[in-house]
Amino acid sequence: MASTKDDVLVEEGLLSHKDYSSSFDSEENRPIITKPSPRQCNILYTSCFILAGMAFSLAVLSLTASARMAALQPVSLYPGWELDPALGPGEEPRENGPACGTSPQEARERGCKFDLVLYSWVPAPCYDEEIQAAYRERESEWWRERGGVGGERIPQERAALGIEESLWLSWDYHEYHCKFIWKMMTRILRNASMGVSGRLLETHHTDHCIDVLTGADPGPAEGISTLVTLNYSTCYSRV
């Protein structure tokens, strides 16, 4: 009677029909699960190993490339300075700029240092302590007046303070100066974190040093004949 009642309810849509026969499928109706062969397992393991190796290699290459790129980027040792941007094609450098102000006191307050080779106040990224120390090993003759005869000789220690607006030296100063300019440029090229003073980028100054070092410009016969005037240098970025 129960089954008849259920049939009536099914016909009236009040009870859904359930087929319980699927729970008792025969063995032949069940899906056959096959175990992978050893060869298939080896292929699978080999594929996984190759993919893992490729992923590892890509990761190593990516890290190596990043490290090399980081090494190529100049590391600024002076994050507080804004250097003049690197010169573009055909662009001429400015010898003096606003970075060090217009007076020795202002230059010191801004953190600039006095470069005796250039006789100029320069931003810290353009200052080379080793070059300055080597340059000052020679005691040059510094005078207030041209010729030096009967004039006042200035000690090099005072000249190195960067407070004298102008001084006179002997002509051989040019040769000594140009040799250190050459050495200075070599050190700058080997150290990407250093800036380049605008004076070093001037073509006419380079030509002058070539003439001095090759003897093409022997200079005047007069002894104390070279005038240097105080400057406040620009400092150009390498990149």
C-alpha atoms as a PDB file:
ATOM      1  CA  MET A   1       0.000   0.000   0.000  1.00  0.00           C
ATOM      2  CA  ALA A   2       2.853   2.336   0.757  1.00  0.00           C
ATOM      3  CA  SER A   3       4.287   1.999  -2.692  1.00  0.00           C
ATOM      4  CA  THR A   4       0.887   2.621  -4.273  1.00  0.00           C
ATOM      5  CA  LYS A   5       0.483   5.748  -2.200  1.00  0.00           C
ATOM      6  CA  ASP A   6       3.922   6.942  -3.239  1.00  0.00           C
ATOM      7  CA  ASP A   7       3.081   6.317  -6.868  1.00  0.00           C
ATOM      8  CA  VAL A   8      -0.003   8.497  -6.523  1.00  0.00           C
ATOM      9  CA  LEU A   9       2.026  11.290  -4.932  1.00  0.00           C
ATOM     10  CA  VAL A  10       4.586  11.079  -7.693  1.00  0.00           C
ATOM     11  CA  GLU A  11       1.908  11.327 -10.313  1.00  0.00           C
ATOM     12  CA  GLU A  12       0.494  14.405  -8.574  1.00  0.00           C
ATOM     13  CA  GLY A  13       3.966  16.019  -8.490  1.00  0.00           C
ATOM     14  CA  LEU A  14       4.153  16.038  -4.705  1.00  0.00           C
ATOM     15  CA  LEU A  15       6.986  13.556  -4.469  1.00  0.00           C
ATOM     16  CA  SER A  16       9.945  13.209  -6.794  1.00  0.00           C
ATOM     17  CA  HIS A  17      10.811   9.840  -8.148  1.00  0.00           C
ATOM     18  CA  LYS A  18      14.101   8.346  -6.921  1.00  0.00           C
ATOM     19  CA  ASP A  19      15.888   5.552  -8.595  1.00  0.00           C
ATOM     20  CA  TYR A  20      17.876   3.634  -6.027  1.00  0.00           C
ATOM     21  CA  SER A  21      19.058   1.068  -8.465  1.00  0.00           C
ATOM     22  CA  SER A  22      22.226   3.109  -9.249  1.00  0.00           C
ATOM     23  CA  SER A  23      23.528   2.473  -5.759  1.00  0.00           C
ATOM     24  CA  PHE A  24      23.644  -1.200  -6.495  1.00  0.00           C
ATOM     25  CA  ASP A  25      25.356  -1.156  -9.894  1.00  0.00           C
ATOM     26  CA  SER A  26      26.862  -4.376 -10.950  1.00  0.00           C
ATOM     27  CA  GLU A  27      30.651  -4.767 -11.093  1.00  0.00           C
ATOM     28  CA  GLU A  28      30.675  -4.594 -14.873  1.00  0.00           C
ATOM     29  CA  ASN A  29      29.004  -1.115 -14.835  1.00  0.00           C
ATOM     30  CA  ARG A  30      31.625   0.441 -12.515  1.00  0.00           C
ATOM     31  CA  PRO A  31      34.416   2.556 -14.183  1.00  0.00           C
ATOM     32  CA  ILE A  32      37.728   0.771 -14.479  1.00  0.00           C
ATOM     33  CA  ILE A  33      40.609   2.645 -12.762  1.00  0.00           C
ATOM     34  CA  THR A  34      43.961   1.744 -14.265  1.00  0.00           C
ATOM     35  CA  LYS A  35      47.264   2.228 -12.470  1.00  0.00           C
ATOM     36  CA  PRO A  36      49.915   4.228 -14.448  1.00  0.00           C
ATOM     37  CA  SER A  37      52.705   2.182 -15.850  1.00  0.00           C
ATOM     38  CA  PRO A  38      56.298   2.739 -14.614  1.00  0.00           C
ATOM     39  CA  ARG A  39      57.123   4.365 -17.951  1.00  0.00           C
ATOM     40  CA  GLN A  40      54.268   6.865 -17.578  1.00  0.00           C
ATOM     41  CA  CYS A  41      55.397   7.655 -14.034  1.00  0.00           C
ATOM     42  CA  ASN A  42      58.933   8.267 -15.242  1.00  0.00           C
ATOM     43  CA  ILE A  43      57.698  10.616 -17.965  1.00  0.00           C
ATOM     44  CA  LEU A  44      55.574  12.522 -15.432  1.00  0.00           C
ATOM     45  CA  TYR A  45      58.410  12.812 -12.927  1.00  0.00           C
ATOM     46  CA  THR A  46      60.847  13.901 -15.654  1.00  0.00           C
ATOM     47  CA  SER A  47      58.445  16.566 -16.925  1.00  0.00           C
ATOM     48  CA  CYS A  48      57.943  17.951 -13.420  1.00  0.00           C
ATOM     49  CA  PHE A  49      61.700  17.984 -12.838  1.00  0.00           C
ATOM     50  CA  ILE A  50      62.329  19.829 -16.120  1.00  0.00           C
ATOM     51  CA  LEU A  51      59.640  22.428 -15.361  1.00  0.00           C
ATOM     52  CA  ALA A  52      61.012  22.967 -11.863  1.00  0.00           C
ATOM     53  CA  GLY A  53      64.531  23.344 -13.279  1.00  0.00           C
ATOM     54  CA  MET A  54      63.345  25.878 -15.841  1.00  0.00           C
ATOM     55  CA  ALA A  55      61.550  27.895 -13.163  1.00  0.00           C
ATOM     56  CA  PHE A  56      64.660  27.867 -10.968  1.00  0.00           C
ATOM     57  CA  SER A  57      66.886  28.910 -13.880  1.00  0.00           C
ATOM     58  CA  LEU A  58      64.573  31.802 -14.763  1.00  0.00           C
ATOM     59  CA  ALA A  59      64.577  32.953 -11.148  1.00  0.00           C
ATOM     60  CA  VAL A  60      68.386  32.853 -11.015  1.00  0.00           C
ATOM     61  CA  LEU A  61      68.689  34.721 -14.327  1.00  0.00           C
ATOM     62  CA  SER A  62      66.231  37.356 -13.134  1.00  0.00           C
ATOM     63  CA  LEU A  63      68.152  37.900  -9.897  1.00  0.00           C
ATOM     64  CA  THR A  64      71.476  38.028 -11.766  1.00  0.00           C
ATOM     65  CA  ALA A  65      70.139  40.569 -14.260  1.00  0.00           C
ATOM     66  CA  SER A  66      68.752  42.711 -11.445  1.00  0.00           C
ATOM     67  CA  ALA A  67      72.090  42.602  -9.632  1.00  0.00           C
ATOM     68  CA  ARG A  68      73.965  43.575 -12.785  1.00  0.00           C
ATOM     69  CA  MET A  69      71.595  46.455 -13.498  1.00  0.00           C
ATOM     70  CA  ALA A  70      71.979  47.667  -9.931  1.00  0.00           C
ATOM     71  CA  ALA A  71      75.762  47.494 -10.272  1.00  0.00           C
ATOM     72  CA  LEU A  72      75.629  49.575 -13.461  1.00  0.00           C
ATOM     73  CA  GLN A  73      73.638  52.314 -11.789  1.00  0.00           C
ATOM     74  CA  PRO A  74      75.838  54.944 -10.174  1.00  0.00           C
ATOM     75  CA  VAL A  75      75.366  54.957  -6.428  1.00  0.00           C
ATOM     76  CA  SER A  76      75.044  58.500  -5.154  1.00  0.00           C
ATOM     77  CA  LEU A  77      77.116  59.110  -2.060  1.00  0.00           C
ATOM     78  CA  TYR A  78      75.578  62.562  -1.709  1.00  0.00           C
ATOM     79  CA  PRO A  79      71.773  62.224  -1.744  1.00  0.00           C
ATOM     80  CA  GLY A  80      71.373  65.780  -0.456  1.00  0.00           C
ATOM     81  CA  TRP A  81      72.820  67.320  -3.622  1.00  0.00           C
ATOM     82  CA  GLU A  82      71.106  68.165  -6.890  1.00  0.00           C
ATOM     83  CA  LEU A  83      73.759  67.953  -9.588  1.00  0.00           C
ATOM     84  CA  ASP A  84      73.475  69.656 -12.937  1.00  0.00           C
ATOM     85  CA  PRO A  85      72.039  67.179 -15.462  1.00  0.00           C
ATOM     86  CA  ALA A  86      74.435  65.434 -17.824  1.00  0.00           C
ATOM     87  CA  LEU A  87      75.216  67.481 -20.917  1.00  0.00           C
ATOM     88  CA  GLY A  88      73.235  66.763 -24.051  1.00  0.00           C
ATOM     89  CA  PRO A  89      74.669  66.626 -27.596  1.00  0.00           C
ATOM     90  CA  GLY A  90      76.197  69.992 -28.512  1.00  0.00           C
ATOM     91  CA  GLU A  91      75.423  71.508 -25.113  1.00  0.00           C
ATOM     92  CA  GLU A  92      78.151  73.669 -23.564  1.00  0.00           C
ATOM     93  CA  PRO A  93      78.905  73.457 -19.826  1.00  0.00           C
ATOM     94  CA  ARG A  94      78.613  76.351 -17.413  1.00  0.00           C
ATOM     95  CA  GLU A  95      81.754  76.924 -15.362  1.00  0.00           C
ATOM     96  CA  ASN A  96      79.966  78.632 -12.473  1.00  0.00           C
ATOM     97  CA  GLY A  97      76.583  77.785 -10.983  1.00  0.00           C
ATOM     98  CA  PRO A  98      74.311  78.548  -8.042  1.00  0.00           C
ATOM     99  CA  ALA A  99      75.067  75.409  -5.983  1.00  0.00           C
ATOM    100  CA  CYS A 100      77.872  77.028  -3.942  1.00  0.00           C
ATOM    101  CA  GLY A 101      76.478  80.554  -3.810  1.00  0.00           C
ATOM    102  CA  THR A 102      78.572  83.652  -4.463  1.00  0.00           C
ATOM    103  CA  SER A 103      80.837  83.985  -1.416  1.00  0.00           C
ATOM    104  CA  PRO A 104      83.202  81.766   0.588  1.00  0.00           C
ATOM    105  CA  GLN A 105      80.906  81.952   3.622  1.00  0.00           C
ATOM    106  CA  GLU A 106      77.849  80.974   1.590  1.00  0.00           C
ATOM    107  CA  ALA A 107      79.792  78.141  -0.052  1.00  0.00           C
ATOM    108  CA  ARG A 108      80.813  76.713   3.323  1.00  0.00           C
ATOM    109  CA  GLU A 109      77.260  76.996   4.647  1.00  0.00           C
ATOM    110  CA  ARG A 110      76.007  75.012   1.654  1.00  0.00           C
ATOM    111  CA  GLY A 111      78.519  72.227   2.243  1.00  0.00           C
ATOM    112  CA  CYS A 112      80.817  73.068  -0.676  1.00  0.00           C
ATOM    113  CA  LYS A 113      84.570  72.455  -0.492  1.00  0.00           C
ATOM    114  CA  PHE A 114      87.468  74.457  -1.867  1.00  0.00           C
ATOM    115  CA  ASP A 115      89.355  72.840  -4.759  1.00  0.00           C
ATOM    116  CA  LEU A 116      92.855  74.309  -4.973  1.00  0.00           C
ATOM    117  CA  VAL A 117      93.538  72.626  -8.335  1.00  0.00           C
ATOM    118  CA  LEU A 118      90.641  74.541  -9.898  1.00  0.00           C
ATOM    119  CA  TYR A 119      90.856  77.452  -7.446  1.00  0.00           C
ATOM    120  CA  SER A 120      87.124  77.112  -7.043  1.00  0.00           C
ATOM    121  CA  TRP A 121      84.478  76.195  -4.500  1.00  0.00           C
ATOM    122  CA  VAL A 122      82.832  72.983  -5.681  1.00  0.00           C
ATOM    123  CA  PRO A 123      79.836  70.903  -4.520  1.00  0.00           C
ATOM    124  CA  ALA A 124      80.906  67.908  -2.435  1.00  0.00           C
ATOM    125  CA  PRO A 125      80.234  65.316  -5.225  1.00  0.00           C
ATOM    126  CA  CYS A 126      82.875  67.090  -7.345  1.00  0.00           C
ATOM    127  CA  TYR A 127      85.522  67.200  -4.614  1.00  0.00           C
ATOM    128  CA  ASP A 128      88.350  64.637  -4.538  1.00  0.00           C
ATOM    129  CA  GLU A 129      90.177  64.595  -1.200  1.00  0.00           C
ATOM    130  CA  GLU A 130      93.054  62.430  -2.464  1.00  0.00           C
ATOM    131  CA  ILE A 131      93.732  64.693  -5.438  1.00  0.00           C
ATOM    132  CA  GLN A 132      93.755  67.758  -3.188  1.00  0.00           C
ATOM    133  CA  ALA A 133      96.174  66.180  -0.713  1.00  0.00           C
ATOM    134  CA  ALA A 134      98.578  65.144  -3.486  1.00  0.00           C
ATOM    135  CA  TYR A 135      98.379  68.558  -5.154  1.00  0.00           C
ATOM    136  CA  ARG A 136      99.263  70.405  -1.944  1.00  0.00           C
ATOM    137  CA  GLU A 137     102.448  68.388  -1.459  1.00  0.00           C
ATOM    138  CA  ARG A 138     104.133  70.923  -3.709  1.00  0.00           C
ATOM    139  CA  GLU A 139     104.486  74.424  -2.298  1.00  0.00           C
ATOM    140  CA  SER A 140     103.587  76.803  -5.134  1.00  0.00           C
ATOM    141  CA  GLU A 141     104.359  80.521  -5.069  1.00  0.00           C
ATOM    142  CA  TRP A 142     101.215  82.561  -4.523  1.00  0.00           C
ATOM    143  CA  TRP A 143     101.369  86.357  -4.823  1.00  0.00           C
ATOM    144  CA  ARG A 144      98.964  89.274  -4.561  1.00  0.00           C
ATOM    145  CA  GLU A 145     100.522  91.220  -7.443  1.00  0.00           C
ATOM    146  CA  ARG A 146     101.747  90.265 -10.882  1.00  0.00           C
ATOM    147  CA  GLY A 147     105.492  89.834 -11.094  1.00  0.00           C
ATOM    148  CA  GLY A 148     105.891  89.197  -7.385  1.00  0.00           C
ATOM    149  CA  VAL A 149     108.740  91.677  -7.093  1.00  0.00           C
ATOM    150  CA  GLY A 150     108.230  93.804  -4.008  1.00  0.00           C
ATOM    151  CA  GLY A 151     104.767  92.328  -3.543  1.00  0.00           C
ATOM    152  CA  GLU A 152     103.219  90.192  -0.835  1.00  0.00           C
ATOM    153  CA  ARG A 153     103.690  86.458  -1.022  1.00  0.00           C
ATOM    154  CA  ILE A 154     100.739  84.421   0.259  1.00  0.00           C
ATOM    155  CA  PRO A 155     101.302  81.100   2.060  1.00  0.00           C
ATOM    156  CA  GLN A 156      99.726  78.163   0.273  1.00  0.00           C
ATOM    157  CA  GLU A 157      97.762  77.328   3.446  1.00  0.00           C
ATOM    158  CA  ARG A 158      95.963  80.653   3.080  1.00  0.00           C
ATOM    159  CA  ALA A 159      95.436  80.191  -0.654  1.00  0.00           C
ATOM    160  CA  ALA A 160      93.827  76.817   0.132  1.00  0.00           C
ATOM    161  CA  LEU A 161      91.213  78.517   2.340  1.00  0.00           C
ATOM    162  CA  GLY A 162      89.458  79.865  -0.743  1.00  0.00           C
ATOM    163  CA  ILE A 163      89.035  83.392   0.594  1.00  0.00           C
ATOM    164  CA  GLU A 164      91.348  85.335  -1.756  1.00  0.00           C
ATOM    165  CA  GLU A 165      89.455  86.749  -4.735  1.00  0.00           C
ATOM    166  CA  SER A 166      92.513  86.551  -6.995  1.00  0.00           C
ATOM    167  CA  LEU A 167      96.167  85.513  -6.803  1.00  0.00           C
ATOM    168  CA  TRP A 168      99.181  85.323  -9.106  1.00  0.00           C
ATOM    169  CA  LEU A 169     101.453  82.346  -9.744  1.00  0.00           C
ATOM    170  CA  SER A 170     104.425  81.404 -11.904  1.00  0.00           C
ATOM    171  CA  TRP A 171     103.847  80.014 -15.399  1.00  0.00           C
ATOM    172  CA  ASP A 172     104.956  76.506 -14.431  1.00  0.00           C
ATOM    173  CA  TYR A 173     101.765  76.361 -12.358  1.00  0.00           C
ATOM    174  CA  HIS A 174      99.944  75.640 -15.632  1.00  0.00           C
ATOM    175  CA  GLU A 175     101.899  72.444 -16.241  1.00  0.00           C
ATOM    176  CA  TYR A 176     101.421  71.255 -12.667  1.00  0.00           C
ATOM    177  CA  HIS A 177      97.726  72.191 -12.777  1.00  0.00           C
ATOM    178  CA  CYS A 178      97.119  70.411 -16.098  1.00  0.00           C
ATOM    179  CA  LYS A 179      98.797  67.207 -14.946  1.00  0.00           C
ATOM    180  CA  PHE A 180      96.441  67.047 -11.983  1.00  0.00           C
ATOM    181  CA  ILE A 181      93.440  67.844 -14.189  1.00  0.00           C
ATOM    182  CA  TRP A 182      94.328  64.769 -16.242  1.00  0.00           C
ATOM    183  CA  LYS A 183      94.642  62.644 -13.112  1.00  0.00           C
ATOM    184  CA  MET A 184      91.399  64.072 -11.751  1.00  0.00           C
ATOM    185  CA  MET A 185      89.477  63.146 -14.911  1.00  0.00           C
ATOM    186  CA  THR A 186      90.821  59.589 -14.784  1.00  0.00           C
ATOM    187  CA  ARG A 187      89.621  59.176 -11.206  1.00  0.00           C
ATOM    188  CA  ILE A 188      86.210  60.613 -12.078  1.00  0.00           C
ATOM    189  CA  LEU A 189      85.799  58.166 -14.966  1.00  0.00           C
ATOM    190  CA  ARG A 190      86.589  55.286 -12.604  1.00  0.00           C
ATOM    191  CA  ASN A 191      84.079  56.412  -9.970  1.00  0.00           C
ATOM    192  CA  ALA A 192      80.502  56.796 -11.211  1.00  0.00           C
ATOM    193  CA  SER A 193      79.381  58.358  -7.932  1.00  0.00           C
ATOM    194  CA  MET A 194      81.495  61.476  -8.561  1.00  0.00           C
ATOM    195  CA  GLY A 195      80.250  64.506 -10.419  1.00  0.00           C
ATOM    196  CA  VAL A 196      82.230  66.477 -13.013  1.00  0.00           C
ATOM    197  CA  SER A 197      83.091  70.133 -12.556  1.00  0.00           C
ATOM    198  CA  GLY A 198      82.005  72.329 -15.453  1.00  0.00           C
ATOM    199  CA  ARG A 199      85.581  73.567 -15.809  1.00  0.00           C
ATOM    200  CA  LEU A 200      86.753  70.057 -16.687  1.00  0.00           C
ATOM    201  CA  LEU A 201      84.160  69.824 -19.458  1.00  0.00           C
ATOM    202  CA  GLU A 202      85.240  73.017 -21.221  1.00  0.00           C
ATOM    203  CA  THR A 203      86.879  72.311 -24.577  1.00  0.00           C
ATOM    204  CA  HIS A 204      89.031  75.442 -24.553  1.00  0.00           C
ATOM    205  CA  HIS A 205      90.488  74.505 -21.155  1.00  0.00           C
ATOM    206  CA  THR A 206      91.363  71.021 -22.454  1.00  0.00           C
ATOM    207  CA  ASP A 207      93.013  72.564 -25.532  1.00  0.00           C
ATOM    208  CA  HIS A 208      94.956  74.922 -23.272  1.00  0.00           C
ATOM    209  CA  CYS A 209      96.300  72.011 -21.191  1.00  0.00           C
ATOM    210  CA  ILE A 210      97.308  70.130 -24.350  1.00  0.00           C
ATOM    211  CA  ASP A 211      99.301  73.168 -25.533  1.00  0.00           C
ATOM    212  CA  VAL A 212     100.956  73.542 -22.126  1.00  0.00           C
ATOM    213  CA  LEU A 213     101.914  69.867 -21.751  1.00  0.00           C
ATOM    214  CA  THR A 214     103.214  69.559 -25.320  1.00  0.00           C
ATOM    215  CA  GLY A 215     105.193  72.816 -25.122  1.00  0.00           C
ATOM    216  CA  ALA A 216     103.115  74.490 -27.823  1.00  0.00           C
ATOM    217  CA  ASP A 217     102.431  77.324 -25.373  1.00  0.00           C
ATOM    218  CA  PRO A 218     105.696  78.180 -23.567  1.00  0.00           C
ATOM    219  CA  GLY A 219     104.122  81.096 -21.727  1.00  0.00           C
ATOM    220  CA  PRO A 220     105.525  84.572 -21.098  1.00  0.00           C
ATOM    221  CA  ALA A 221     109.101  85.178 -20.044  1.00  0.00           C
ATOM    222  CA  GLU A 222     107.900  86.969 -16.950  1.00  0.00           C
ATOM    223  CA  GLY A 223     107.994  84.773 -13.835  1.00  0.00           C
ATOM    224  CA  ILE A 224     104.814  85.503 -11.858  1.00  0.00           C
ATOM    225  CA  SER A 225     102.360  85.925 -14.713  1.00  0.00           C
ATOM    226  CA  THR A 226      99.426  83.576 -14.138  1.00  0.00           C
ATOM    227  CA  LEU A 227      96.258  85.005 -12.634  1.00  0.00           C
ATOM    228  CA  VAL A 228      93.690  82.789 -10.897  1.00  0.00           C
ATOM    229  CA  THR A 229      90.326  84.138  -9.798  1.00  0.00           C
ATOM    230  CA  LEU A 230      87.905  82.637  -7.313  1.00  0.00           C
ATOM    231  CA  ASN A 231      85.068  80.600  -8.824  1.00  0.00           C
ATOM    232  CA  TYR A 232      81.933  78.796  -7.596  1.00  0.00           C
ATOM    233  CA  SER A 233      81.783  75.753  -9.804  1.00  0.00           C
ATOM    234  CA  THR A 234      78.963  73.776 -11.319  1.00  0.00           C
ATOM    235  CA  CYS A 235      78.912  70.009 -10.804  1.00  0.00           C
ATOM    236  CA  TYR A 236      77.492  67.830 -13.572  1.00  0.00           C
ATOM    237  CA  SER A 237      75.988  64.397 -13.147  1.00  0.00           C
ATOM    238  CA  ARG A 238      77.558  61.446 -14.978  1.00  0.00           C
ATOM    239  CA  VAL A 239      74.189  60.135 -16.189  1.00  0.00           C
END
